[in-house]
Amino acid sequence: MAKKRIAVESTLGNFRDYLTEKGYEIVQLDPHTQTGIELKNCDAIVVSGQDEDLMGMNTIKTEAPVIDTRGMTPEQLLNRIEQTFKSI
């Protein structure tokens, strides 16, 4: 299986490090400077959920699944990612 490419919000260093240890290719995602280029060819997007607007809408535009890590441990995130890839 090819290495999956995951964009991880820059504030989520512990999640980034854990996913790197598990063999995922990580791209840094900074929601304040995103141009969409860093999302190209990503298999999933991992966000903290801290940048939701008042309506609860997220501004990230991608066809890849977006996973919100609020309340998750790195292990729970890995499980969610693996389940997501199985269902695609």
PDB file of N, CA and C in Angstrom:
ATOM      1  N   MET A   1       0.835  -1.175   0.000  1.00  0.00           N
ATOM      2  CA  MET A   1       0.000   0.000   0.000  1.00  0.00           C
ATOM      3  C   MET A   1       0.882   1.241   0.000  1.00  0.00           C
ATOM      4  N   ALA A   2       0.514   2.206  -0.857  1.00  0.00           N
ATOM      5  CA  ALA A   2       1.282   3.441  -0.957  1.00  0.00           C
ATOM      6  C   ALA A   2       1.147   4.253   0.329  1.00  0.00           C
ATOM      7  N   LYS A   3       2.200   4.977   0.639  1.00  0.00           N
ATOM      8  CA  LYS A   3       2.173   5.838   1.822  1.00  0.00           C
ATOM      9  C   LYS A   3       1.117   6.912   1.638  1.00  0.00           C
ATOM     10  N   LYS A   4       0.248   7.081   2.619  1.00  0.00           N
ATOM     11  CA  LYS A   4      -0.814   8.078   2.560  1.00  0.00           C
ATOM     12  C   LYS A   4      -0.256   9.444   2.938  1.00  0.00           C
ATOM     13  N   ARG A   5      -0.739  10.467   2.245  1.00  0.00           N
ATOM     14  CA  ARG A   5      -0.303  11.848   2.482  1.00  0.00           C
ATOM     15  C   ARG A   5      -1.403  12.573   3.247  1.00  0.00           C
ATOM     16  N   ILE A   6      -1.061  13.116   4.410  1.00  0.00           N
ATOM     17  CA  ILE A   6      -2.036  13.747   5.281  1.00  0.00           C
ATOM     18  C   ILE A   6      -1.583  15.167   5.606  1.00  0.00           C
ATOM     19  N   ALA A   7      -2.485  16.128   5.418  1.00  0.00           N
ATOM     20  CA  ALA A   7      -2.213  17.514   5.809  1.00  0.00           C
ATOM     21  C   ALA A   7      -2.645  17.665   7.263  1.00  0.00           C
ATOM     22  N   VAL A   8      -1.738  18.160   8.093  1.00  0.00           N
ATOM     23  CA  VAL A   8      -2.009  18.318   9.523  1.00  0.00           C
ATOM     24  C   VAL A   8      -1.809  19.787   9.895  1.00  0.00           C
ATOM     25  N   GLU A   9      -2.813  20.347  10.566  1.00  0.00           N
ATOM     26  CA  GLU A   9      -2.741  21.739  11.006  1.00  0.00           C
ATOM     27  C   GLU A   9      -1.473  21.956  11.831  1.00  0.00           C
ATOM     28  N   SER A  10      -0.839  23.097  11.629  1.00  0.00           N
ATOM     29  CA  SER A  10       0.465  23.373  12.245  1.00  0.00           C
ATOM     30  C   SER A  10       0.446  23.347  13.770  1.00  0.00           C
ATOM     31  N   THR A  11      -0.701  23.555  14.390  1.00  0.00           N
ATOM     32  CA  THR A  11      -0.783  23.561  15.855  1.00  0.00           C
ATOM     33  C   THR A  11      -0.859  22.158  16.455  1.00  0.00           C
ATOM     34  N   LEU A  12      -0.901  21.137  15.628  1.00  0.00           N
ATOM     35  CA  LEU A  12      -1.098  19.763  16.107  1.00  0.00           C
ATOM     36  C   LEU A  12       0.187  18.939  16.022  1.00  0.00           C
ATOM     37  N   GLY A  13       1.246  19.459  16.621  1.00  0.00           N
ATOM     38  CA  GLY A  13       2.547  18.802  16.559  1.00  0.00           C
ATOM     39  C   GLY A  13       2.561  17.381  17.091  1.00  0.00           C
ATOM     40  N   ASN A  14       1.833  17.123  18.180  1.00  0.00           N
ATOM     41  CA  ASN A  14       1.836  15.771  18.744  1.00  0.00           C
ATOM     42  C   ASN A  14       1.162  14.778  17.796  1.00  0.00           C
ATOM     43  N   PHE A  15       0.113  15.206  17.104  1.00  0.00           N
ATOM     44  CA  PHE A  15      -0.558  14.342  16.126  1.00  0.00           C
ATOM     45  C   PHE A  15       0.345  14.135  14.909  1.00  0.00           C
ATOM     46  N   ARG A  16       0.989  15.214  14.445  1.00  0.00           N
ATOM     47  CA  ARG A  16       1.903  15.135  13.307  1.00  0.00           C
ATOM     48  C   ARG A  16       3.020  14.146  13.578  1.00  0.00           C
ATOM     49  N   ASP A  17       3.630  14.265  14.761  1.00  0.00           N
ATOM     50  CA  ASP A  17       4.736  13.381  15.107  1.00  0.00           C
ATOM     51  C   ASP A  17       4.292  11.924  15.186  1.00  0.00           C
ATOM     52  N   TYR A  18       3.131  11.690  15.767  1.00  0.00           N
ATOM     53  CA  TYR A  18       2.611  10.330  15.911  1.00  0.00           C
ATOM     54  C   TYR A  18       2.328   9.709  14.542  1.00  0.00           C
ATOM     55  N   LEU A  19       1.698  10.468  13.655  1.00  0.00           N
ATOM     56  CA  LEU A  19       1.398   9.940  12.326  1.00  0.00           C
ATOM     57  C   LEU A  19       2.664   9.689  11.514  1.00  0.00           C
ATOM     58  N   THR A  20       3.671  10.545  11.701  1.00  0.00           N
ATOM     59  CA  THR A  20       4.951  10.344  11.029  1.00  0.00           C
ATOM     60  C   THR A  20       5.581   9.032  11.495  1.00  0.00           C
ATOM     61  N   GLU A  21       5.547   8.782  12.800  1.00  0.00           N
ATOM     62  CA  GLU A  21       6.077   7.522  13.353  1.00  0.00           C
ATOM     63  C   GLU A  21       5.364   6.301  12.773  1.00  0.00           C
ATOM     64  N   LYS A  22       4.090   6.468  12.439  1.00  0.00           N
ATOM     65  CA  LYS A  22       3.281   5.364  11.906  1.00  0.00           C
ATOM     66  C   LYS A  22       3.413   5.225  10.394  1.00  0.00           C
ATOM     67  N   GLY A  23       4.264   6.039   9.785  1.00  0.00           N
ATOM     68  CA  GLY A  23       4.567   5.865   8.370  1.00  0.00           C
ATOM     69  C   GLY A  23       3.799   6.734   7.398  1.00  0.00           C
ATOM     70  N   TYR A  24       3.072   7.716   7.886  1.00  0.00           N
ATOM     71  CA  TYR A  24       2.332   8.613   6.998  1.00  0.00           C
ATOM     72  C   TYR A  24       3.209   9.771   6.557  1.00  0.00           C
ATOM     73  N   GLU A  25       3.003  10.228   5.330  1.00  0.00           N
ATOM     74  CA  GLU A  25       3.679  11.431   4.840  1.00  0.00           C
ATOM     75  C   GLU A  25       2.844  12.629   5.293  1.00  0.00           C
ATOM     76  N   ILE A  26       3.479  13.573   5.971  1.00  0.00           N
ATOM     77  CA  ILE A  26       2.761  14.700   6.551  1.00  0.00           C
ATOM     78  C   ILE A  26       3.098  15.991   5.814  1.00  0.00           C
ATOM     79  N   VAL A  27       2.051  16.766   5.531  1.00  0.00           N
ATOM     80  CA  VAL A  27       2.177  18.100   4.950  1.00  0.00           C
ATOM     81  C   VAL A  27       1.629  19.065   5.985  1.00  0.00           C
ATOM     82  N   GLN A  28       2.344  20.144   6.242  1.00  0.00           N
ATOM     83  CA  GLN A  28       1.865  21.122   7.232  1.00  0.00           C
ATOM     84  C   GLN A  28       0.748  21.959   6.642  1.00  0.00           C
ATOM     85  N   LEU A  29      -0.308  22.119   7.414  1.00  0.00           N
ATOM     86  CA  LEU A  29      -1.455  22.925   7.019  1.00  0.00           C
ATOM     87  C   LEU A  29      -1.581  24.093   7.983  1.00  0.00           C
ATOM     88  N   ASP A  30      -1.506  25.290   7.451  1.00  0.00           N
ATOM     89  CA  ASP A  30      -1.714  26.492   8.260  1.00  0.00           C
ATOM     90  C   ASP A  30      -2.964  27.173   7.741  1.00  0.00           C
ATOM     91  N   PRO A  31      -4.088  27.067   8.454  1.00  0.00           N
ATOM     92  CA  PRO A  31      -5.342  27.614   7.953  1.00  0.00           C
ATOM     93  C   PRO A  31      -5.321  29.117   7.695  1.00  0.00           C
ATOM     94  N   HIS A  32      -4.376  29.829   8.278  1.00  0.00           N
ATOM     95  CA  HIS A  32      -4.314  31.276   8.095  1.00  0.00           C
ATOM     96  C   HIS A  32      -3.585  31.675   6.819  1.00  0.00           C
ATOM     97  N   THR A  33      -2.803  30.747   6.251  1.00  0.00           N
ATOM     98  CA  THR A  33      -2.069  31.064   5.030  1.00  0.00           C
ATOM     99  C   THR A  33      -2.356  30.078   3.917  1.00  0.00           C
ATOM    100  N   GLN A  34      -3.331  29.219   4.097  1.00  0.00           N
ATOM    101  CA  GLN A  34      -3.568  28.179   3.101  1.00  0.00           C
ATOM    102  C   GLN A  34      -3.925  28.761   1.750  1.00  0.00           C
ATOM    103  N   THR A  35      -3.342  28.178   0.725  1.00  0.00           N
ATOM    104  CA  THR A  35      -3.632  28.570  -0.645  1.00  0.00           C
ATOM    105  C   THR A  35      -4.287  27.431  -1.392  1.00  0.00           C
ATOM    106  N   GLY A  36      -4.346  26.279  -0.781  1.00  0.00           N
ATOM    107  CA  GLY A  36      -4.865  25.106  -1.444  1.00  0.00           C
ATOM    108  C   GLY A  36      -3.758  24.247  -2.009  1.00  0.00           C
ATOM    109  N   ILE A  37      -2.589  24.832  -2.217  1.00  0.00           N
ATOM    110  CA  ILE A  37      -1.479  24.081  -2.792  1.00  0.00           C
ATOM    111  C   ILE A  37      -1.062  22.939  -1.875  1.00  0.00           C
ATOM    112  N   GLU A  38      -1.019  23.202  -0.559  1.00  0.00           N
ATOM    113  CA  GLU A  38      -0.580  22.170   0.376  1.00  0.00           C
ATOM    114  C   GLU A  38      -1.586  21.027   0.492  1.00  0.00           C
ATOM    115  N   LEU A  39      -2.807  21.228   0.001  1.00  0.00           N
ATOM    116  CA  LEU A  39      -3.832  20.189   0.069  1.00  0.00           C
ATOM    117  C   LEU A  39      -3.826  19.276  -1.152  1.00  0.00           C
ATOM    118  N   LYS A  40      -3.093  19.678  -2.181  1.00  0.00           N
ATOM    119  CA  LYS A  40      -3.077  18.907  -3.413  1.00  0.00           C
ATOM    120  C   LYS A  40      -2.554  17.495  -3.152  1.00  0.00           C
ATOM    121  N   ASN A  41      -3.300  16.540  -3.607  1.00  0.00           N
ATOM    122  CA  ASN A  41      -2.931  15.131  -3.491  1.00  0.00           C
ATOM    123  C   ASN A  41      -2.881  14.614  -2.061  1.00  0.00           C
ATOM    124  N   CYS A  42      -3.545  15.279  -1.140  1.00  0.00           N
ATOM    125  CA  CYS A  42      -3.622  14.767   0.229  1.00  0.00           C
ATOM    126  C   CYS A  42      -4.772  13.774   0.330  1.00  0.00           C
ATOM    127  N   ASP A  43      -4.556  12.723   1.106  1.00  0.00           N
ATOM    128  CA  ASP A  43      -5.571  11.696   1.299  1.00  0.00           C
ATOM    129  C   ASP A  43      -6.513  12.039   2.444  1.00  0.00           C
ATOM    130  N   ALA A  44      -6.072  12.914   3.357  1.00  0.00           N
ATOM    131  CA  ALA A  44      -6.906  13.350   4.482  1.00  0.00           C
ATOM    132  C   ALA A  44      -6.360  14.671   5.005  1.00  0.00           C
ATOM    133  N   ILE A  45      -7.240  15.409   5.695  1.00  0.00           N
ATOM    134  CA  ILE A  45      -6.877  16.688   6.303  1.00  0.00           C
ATOM    135  C   ILE A  45      -7.207  16.581   7.787  1.00  0.00           C
ATOM    136  N   VAL A  46      -6.255  16.953   8.646  1.00  0.00           N
ATOM    137  CA  VAL A  46      -6.453  16.884  10.091  1.00  0.00           C
ATOM    138  C   VAL A  46      -6.413  18.298  10.651  1.00  0.00           C
ATOM    139  N   VAL A  47      -7.506  18.683  11.341  1.00  0.00           N
ATOM    140  CA  VAL A  47      -7.615  20.036  11.887  1.00  0.00           C
ATOM    141  C   VAL A  47      -7.924  19.982  13.383  1.00  0.00           C
ATOM    142  N   SER A  48      -7.657  21.101  14.061  1.00  0.00           N
ATOM    143  CA  SER A  48      -7.911  21.179  15.499  1.00  0.00           C
ATOM    144  C   SER A  48      -9.343  21.577  15.810  1.00  0.00           C
ATOM    145  N   GLY A  49     -10.033  22.172  14.860  1.00  0.00           N
ATOM    146  CA  GLY A  49     -11.386  22.648  15.094  1.00  0.00           C
ATOM    147  C   GLY A  49     -11.429  24.018  15.733  1.00  0.00           C
ATOM    148  N   GLN A  50     -10.289  24.610  16.017  1.00  0.00           N
ATOM    149  CA  GLN A  50     -10.243  25.912  16.667  1.00  0.00           C
ATOM    150  C   GLN A  50     -10.546  27.053  15.719  1.00  0.00           C
ATOM    151  N   ASP A  51     -10.508  26.816  14.419  1.00  0.00           N
ATOM    152  CA  ASP A  51     -10.712  27.881  13.448  1.00  0.00           C
ATOM    153  C   ASP A  51     -12.085  27.826  12.796  1.00  0.00           C
ATOM    154  N   GLU A  52     -13.052  27.206  13.448  1.00  0.00           N
ATOM    155  CA  GLU A  52     -14.412  27.230  12.932  1.00  0.00           C
ATOM    156  C   GLU A  52     -14.983  28.627  13.129  1.00  0.00           C
ATOM    157  N   ASP A  53     -15.795  29.036  12.182  1.00  0.00           N
ATOM    158  CA  ASP A  53     -16.422  30.337  12.353  1.00  0.00           C
ATOM    159  C   ASP A  53     -17.671  30.219  13.227  1.00  0.00           C
ATOM    160  N   LEU A  54     -18.340  31.309  13.473  1.00  0.00           N
ATOM    161  CA  LEU A  54     -19.491  31.319  14.368  1.00  0.00           C
ATOM    162  C   LEU A  54     -20.651  30.461  13.889  1.00  0.00           C
ATOM    163  N   MET A  55     -20.733  30.220  12.595  1.00  0.00           N
ATOM    164  CA  MET A  55     -21.809  29.393  12.050  1.00  0.00           C
ATOM    165  C   MET A  55     -21.448  27.914  12.107  1.00  0.00           C
ATOM    166  N   GLY A  56     -20.224  27.591  12.551  1.00  0.00           N
ATOM    167  CA  GLY A  56     -19.810  26.200  12.610  1.00  0.00           C
ATOM    168  C   GLY A  56     -19.354  25.650  11.277  1.00  0.00           C
ATOM    169  N   MET A  57     -19.035  26.537  10.357  1.00  0.00           N
ATOM    170  CA  MET A  57     -18.592  26.106   9.036  1.00  0.00           C
ATOM    171  C   MET A  57     -17.081  26.229   8.956  1.00  0.00           C
ATOM    172  N   ASN A  58     -16.463  25.263   8.302  1.00  0.00           N
ATOM    173  CA  ASN A  58     -15.028  25.263   8.135  1.00  0.00           C
ATOM    174  C   ASN A  58     -14.702  25.786   6.742  1.00  0.00           C
ATOM    175  N   THR A  59     -13.616  26.522   6.596  1.00  0.00           N
ATOM    176  CA  THR A  59     -13.293  27.132   5.311  1.00  0.00           C
ATOM    177  C   THR A  59     -12.373  26.280   4.448  1.00  0.00           C
ATOM    178  N   ILE A  60     -11.961  25.125   4.893  1.00  0.00           N
ATOM    179  CA  ILE A  60     -11.100  24.268   4.088  1.00  0.00           C
ATOM    180  C   ILE A  60     -11.924  23.683   2.956  1.00  0.00           C
ATOM    181  N   LYS A  61     -11.401  23.803   1.725  1.00  0.00           N
ATOM    182  CA  LYS A  61     -12.093  23.268   0.562  1.00  0.00           C
ATOM    183  C   LYS A  61     -11.234  22.173  -0.051  1.00  0.00           C
ATOM    184  N   THR A  62     -11.725  20.933   0.046  1.00  0.00           N
ATOM    185  CA  THR A  62     -11.007  19.790  -0.479  1.00  0.00           C
ATOM    186  C   THR A  62     -11.964  18.623  -0.632  1.00  0.00           C
ATOM    187  N   GLU A  63     -11.603  17.687  -1.475  1.00  0.00           N
ATOM    188  CA  GLU A  63     -12.394  16.471  -1.610  1.00  0.00           C
ATOM    189  C   GLU A  63     -11.927  15.403  -0.621  1.00  0.00           C
ATOM    190  N   ALA A  64     -10.783  15.608  -0.007  1.00  0.00           N
ATOM    191  CA  ALA A  64     -10.258  14.655   0.979  1.00  0.00           C
ATOM    192  C   ALA A  64     -11.061  14.767   2.269  1.00  0.00           C
ATOM    193  N   PRO A  65     -11.180  13.664   3.018  1.00  0.00           N
ATOM    194  CA  PRO A  65     -11.889  13.733   4.299  1.00  0.00           C
ATOM    195  C   PRO A  65     -11.183  14.685   5.265  1.00  0.00           C
ATOM    196  N   VAL A  66     -11.973  15.484   5.978  1.00  0.00           N
ATOM    197  CA  VAL A  66     -11.443  16.403   6.982  1.00  0.00           C
ATOM    198  C   VAL A  66     -11.791  15.832   8.347  1.00  0.00           C
ATOM    199  N   ILE A  67     -10.767  15.634   9.189  1.00  0.00           N
ATOM    200  CA  ILE A  67     -10.956  15.043  10.507  1.00  0.00           C
ATOM    201  C   ILE A  67     -10.637  16.075  11.570  1.00  0.00           C
ATOM    202  N   ASP A  68     -11.596  16.317  12.444  1.00  0.00           N
ATOM    203  CA  ASP A  68     -11.466  17.261  13.550  1.00  0.00           C
ATOM    204  C   ASP A  68     -10.964  16.495  14.769  1.00  0.00           C
ATOM    205  N   THR A  69      -9.855  16.925  15.351  1.00  0.00           N
ATOM    206  CA  THR A  69      -9.228  16.188  16.452  1.00  0.00           C
ATOM    207  C   THR A  69      -9.722  16.570  17.841  1.00  0.00           C
ATOM    208  N   ARG A  70     -10.706  17.478  17.926  1.00  0.00           N
ATOM    209  CA  ARG A  70     -11.175  17.890  19.259  1.00  0.00           C
ATOM    210  C   ARG A  70     -11.555  16.665  20.086  1.00  0.00           C
ATOM    211  N   GLY A  71     -10.953  16.570  21.277  1.00  0.00           N
ATOM    212  CA  GLY A  71     -11.248  15.484  22.202  1.00  0.00           C
ATOM    213  C   GLY A  71     -10.574  14.167  21.869  1.00  0.00           C
ATOM    214  N   MET A  72      -9.704  14.141  20.874  1.00  0.00           N
ATOM    215  CA  MET A  72      -9.045  12.900  20.460  1.00  0.00           C
ATOM    216  C   MET A  72      -7.616  12.809  20.973  1.00  0.00           C
ATOM    217  N   THR A  73      -7.170  11.583  21.161  1.00  0.00           N
ATOM    218  CA  THR A  73      -5.760  11.306  21.392  1.00  0.00           C
ATOM    219  C   THR A  73      -5.146  10.979  20.032  1.00  0.00           C
ATOM    220  N   PRO A  74      -3.818  10.990  19.923  1.00  0.00           N
ATOM    221  CA  PRO A  74      -3.202  10.588  18.659  1.00  0.00           C
ATOM    222  C   PRO A  74      -3.612   9.169  18.233  1.00  0.00           C
ATOM    223  N   GLU A  75      -3.762   8.269  19.193  1.00  0.00           N
ATOM    224  CA  GLU A  75      -4.165   6.897  18.878  1.00  0.00           C
ATOM    225  C   GLU A  75      -5.580   6.856  18.310  1.00  0.00           C
ATOM    226  N   GLN A  76      -6.475   7.660  18.865  1.00  0.00           N
ATOM    227  CA  GLN A  76      -7.846   7.722  18.355  1.00  0.00           C
ATOM    228  C   GLN A  76      -7.875   8.315  16.941  1.00  0.00           C
ATOM    229  N   LEU A  77      -7.023   9.313  16.699  1.00  0.00           N
ATOM    230  CA  LEU A  77      -6.944   9.891  15.365  1.00  0.00           C
ATOM    231  C   LEU A  77      -6.481   8.838  14.368  1.00  0.00           C
ATOM    232  N   LEU A  78      -5.448   8.090  14.714  1.00  0.00           N
ATOM    233  CA  LEU A  78      -4.952   7.043  13.825  1.00  0.00           C
ATOM    234  C   LEU A  78      -6.062   6.050  13.499  1.00  0.00           C
ATOM    235  N   ASN A  79      -6.821   5.643  14.506  1.00  0.00           N
ATOM    236  CA  ASN A  79      -7.922   4.718  14.292  1.00  0.00           C
ATOM    237  C   ASN A  79      -8.957   5.319  13.336  1.00  0.00           C
ATOM    238  N   ARG A  80      -9.294   6.592  13.534  1.00  0.00           N
ATOM    239  CA  ARG A  80     -10.267   7.263  12.660  1.00  0.00           C
ATOM    240  C   ARG A  80      -9.751   7.321  11.226  1.00  0.00           C
ATOM    241  N   ILE A  81      -8.464   7.652  11.061  1.00  0.00           N
ATOM    242  CA  ILE A  81      -7.873   7.724   9.724  1.00  0.00           C
ATOM    243  C   ILE A  81      -7.931   6.367   9.044  1.00  0.00           C
ATOM    244  N   GLU A  82      -7.541   5.326   9.754  1.00  0.00           N
ATOM    245  CA  GLU A  82      -7.542   3.981   9.172  1.00  0.00           C
ATOM    246  C   GLU A  82      -8.952   3.542   8.798  1.00  0.00           C
ATOM    247  N   GLN A  83      -9.944   3.858   9.637  1.00  0.00           N
ATOM    248  CA  GLN A  83     -11.341   3.523   9.326  1.00  0.00           C
ATOM    249  C   GLN A  83     -11.827   4.311   8.105  1.00  0.00           C
ATOM    250  N   THR A  84     -11.422   5.557   8.016  1.00  0.00           N
ATOM    251  CA  THR A  84     -11.804   6.400   6.875  1.00  0.00           C
ATOM    252  C   THR A  84     -11.251   5.834   5.581  1.00  0.00           C
ATOM    253  N   PHE A  85      -9.979   5.420   5.587  1.00  0.00           N
ATOM    254  CA  PHE A  85      -9.359   4.884   4.379  1.00  0.00           C
ATOM    255  C   PHE A  85      -9.994   3.554   3.978  1.00  0.00           C
ATOM    256  N   LYS A  86     -10.432   2.769   4.947  1.00  0.00           N
ATOM    257  CA  LYS A  86     -11.092   1.496   4.625  1.00  0.00           C
ATOM    258  C   LYS A  86     -12.437   1.728   3.952  1.00  0.00           C
ATOM    259  N   SER A  87     -13.119   2.811   4.306  1.00  0.00           N
ATOM    260  CA  SER A  87     -14.467   3.050   3.785  1.00  0.00           C
ATOM    261  C   SER A  87     -14.471   3.818   2.466  1.00  0.00           C
ATOM    262  N   ILE A  88     -13.315   4.308   2.029  1.00  0.00           N
ATOM    263  CA  ILE A  88     -13.261   5.071   0.773  1.00  0.00           C
ATOM    264  C   ILE A  88     -13.182   4.117  -0.395  1.00  0.00           C
TER     265      ILE A  88
END
